[in-house]
């Protein structure tokens, strides 16, 4: 497992793109290894609102998989999301970009 670290914040709306090998590994088809590759993130939200941000995972610019993350909370929240079980789309080995899309009306996310 490798950490992708970004210390900063996003205001109102926009897209954050991080280009880096995401180290996705497919589930063992034999069932001997029950490991599922996962994406783990912590989000700090200043102002609760009825909205979502979207985490997208791409390979060479092609969107492979994604998941929405609701932000109707204040403070810290974690997401622990398995690529093959919990996300929409089909993950691929070699995914090399994370895109975070948000459209919020107030506050900041960290």
Protein backbone atom coordinates (compact mmCIF):
# COMPACT_ATOMS: atom_id res chain seq x y z
CA UNK A 1 0.00 0.00 0.00
CA UNK A 2 1.29 3.43 -0.88
CA UNK A 3 0.10 6.78 0.39
CA UNK A 4 -0.75 9.65 -1.91
CA UNK A 5 -0.55 12.71 0.27
CA UNK A 6 -2.07 16.09 -0.50
CA UNK A 7 -2.22 18.76 2.16
CA UNK A 8 -4.51 21.51 1.02
CA UNK A 9 -8.09 22.49 0.53
CA UNK A 10 -10.67 22.96 -2.19
CA UNK A 11 -13.04 25.92 -2.22
CA UNK A 12 -16.54 25.93 -3.72
CA UNK A 13 -16.06 24.01 -6.94
CA UNK A 14 -13.39 22.55 -9.06
CA UNK A 15 -11.33 19.56 -9.96
CA UNK A 16 -8.23 18.27 -8.22
CA UNK A 17 -6.11 15.94 -10.37
CA UNK A 18 -3.31 13.78 -9.00
CA UNK A 19 -1.25 11.81 -11.51
CA UNK A 20 0.44 8.84 -9.89
CA UNK A 21 0.36 5.06 -10.17
CA UNK A 22 -2.58 4.09 -7.93
CA UNK A 23 -1.17 0.57 -7.32
CA UNK A 24 -4.49 -1.18 -7.98
CA UNK A 25 -4.23 -4.98 -7.88
CA UNK A 26 -6.99 -7.26 -9.17
CA UNK A 27 -8.63 -9.73 -6.82
CA UNK A 28 -7.13 -13.23 -7.03
CA UNK A 29 -9.53 -15.16 -9.32
CA UNK A 30 -8.69 -18.46 -7.59
CA UNK A 31 -10.15 -17.19 -4.33
CA UNK A 32 -7.05 -18.25 -2.39
CA UNK A 33 -6.15 -14.65 -1.57
CA UNK A 34 -9.17 -12.70 -0.30
CA UNK A 35 -7.38 -9.33 -0.49
CA UNK A 36 -9.35 -6.51 -2.13
CA UNK A 37 -7.47 -3.43 -3.29
CA UNK A 38 -8.93 -0.32 -1.60
CA UNK A 39 -8.82 3.47 -1.68
CA UNK A 40 -8.75 5.14 1.73
CA UNK A 41 -9.18 8.87 2.29
CA UNK A 42 -9.92 11.30 5.13
CA UNK A 43 -11.98 14.44 4.38
CA UNK A 44 -12.49 17.46 6.62
CA UNK A 45 -15.61 19.50 5.82
CA UNK A 46 -16.20 22.95 7.31
CA UNK A 47 -19.90 23.33 6.43
CA UNK A 48 -22.40 20.44 6.12
CA UNK A 49 -24.40 20.52 2.90
CA UNK A 50 -26.64 18.25 0.88
CA UNK A 51 -24.07 17.54 -1.83
CA UNK A 52 -21.49 14.98 -2.91
CA UNK A 53 -17.97 15.02 -4.20
CA UNK A 54 -16.90 12.42 -6.72
CA UNK A 55 -13.68 10.43 -6.69
CA UNK A 56 -12.74 9.19 -10.17
CA UNK A 57 -9.93 6.78 -11.03
CA UNK A 58 -8.45 6.90 -14.53
CA UNK A 59 -5.94 5.07 -16.69
CA UNK A 60 -4.18 7.23 -19.29
CA UNK A 61 -7.07 9.72 -19.24
CA UNK A 62 -9.84 7.07 -19.50
CA UNK A 63 -12.25 6.91 -16.55
CA UNK A 64 -12.33 3.39 -15.14
CA UNK A 65 -14.21 3.61 -11.85
CA UNK A 66 -15.60 6.12 -9.38
CA UNK A 67 -17.64 6.66 -6.25
CA UNK A 68 -19.63 9.55 -4.73
CA UNK A 69 -18.95 10.80 -1.19
CA UNK A 70 -21.67 12.69 0.66
CA UNK A 71 -20.61 15.82 2.55
CA UNK A 72 -23.60 16.40 4.82
CA UNK A 73 -21.31 16.50 7.90
CA UNK A 74 -18.83 18.80 9.58
CA UNK A 75 -15.45 17.70 10.84
CA UNK A 76 -13.54 14.61 9.77
CA UNK A 77 -14.89 11.55 7.93
CA UNK A 78 -13.11 8.60 6.38
CA UNK A 79 -13.93 6.59 3.28
CA UNK A 80 -12.57 3.06 2.87
CA UNK A 81 -13.75 1.92 -0.55
CA UNK A 82 -12.80 -1.29 -2.39
CA UNK A 83 -12.30 -0.77 -6.13
CA UNK A 84 -13.92 -4.04 -7.25
CA UNK A 85 -16.73 -4.23 -4.70
CA UNK A 86 -17.82 -0.71 -3.77
CA UNK A 87 -17.22 1.49 -6.82
CA UNK A 88 -19.07 2.07 -10.07
CA UNK A 89 -17.32 1.00 -13.27
CA UNK A 90 -14.47 -1.44 -13.82
CA UNK A 91 -11.06 -0.83 -12.24
CA UNK A 92 -7.96 -1.62 -14.31
CA UNK A 93 -4.41 -2.38 -13.35
CA UNK A 94 -2.21 0.56 -14.25
CA UNK A 95 -4.71 3.27 -13.22
CA UNK A 96 -2.56 6.38 -12.94
CA UNK A 97 -4.79 9.32 -12.10
CA UNK A 98 -7.13 10.32 -9.29
CA UNK A 99 -9.60 13.08 -10.04
CA UNK A 100 -11.72 14.67 -7.29
CA UNK A 101 -14.70 16.68 -8.53
CA UNK A 102 -16.72 18.92 -6.27
CA UNK A 103 -19.43 21.50 -6.62
CA UNK A 104 -20.14 22.97 -3.23
CA UNK A 105 -21.87 26.22 -2.41
CA UNK A 106 -20.03 27.21 0.78
CA UNK A 107 -17.06 26.37 2.96
CA UNK A 108 -13.94 24.40 2.16
CA UNK A 109 -12.88 20.77 2.11
CA UNK A 110 -9.53 19.57 3.36
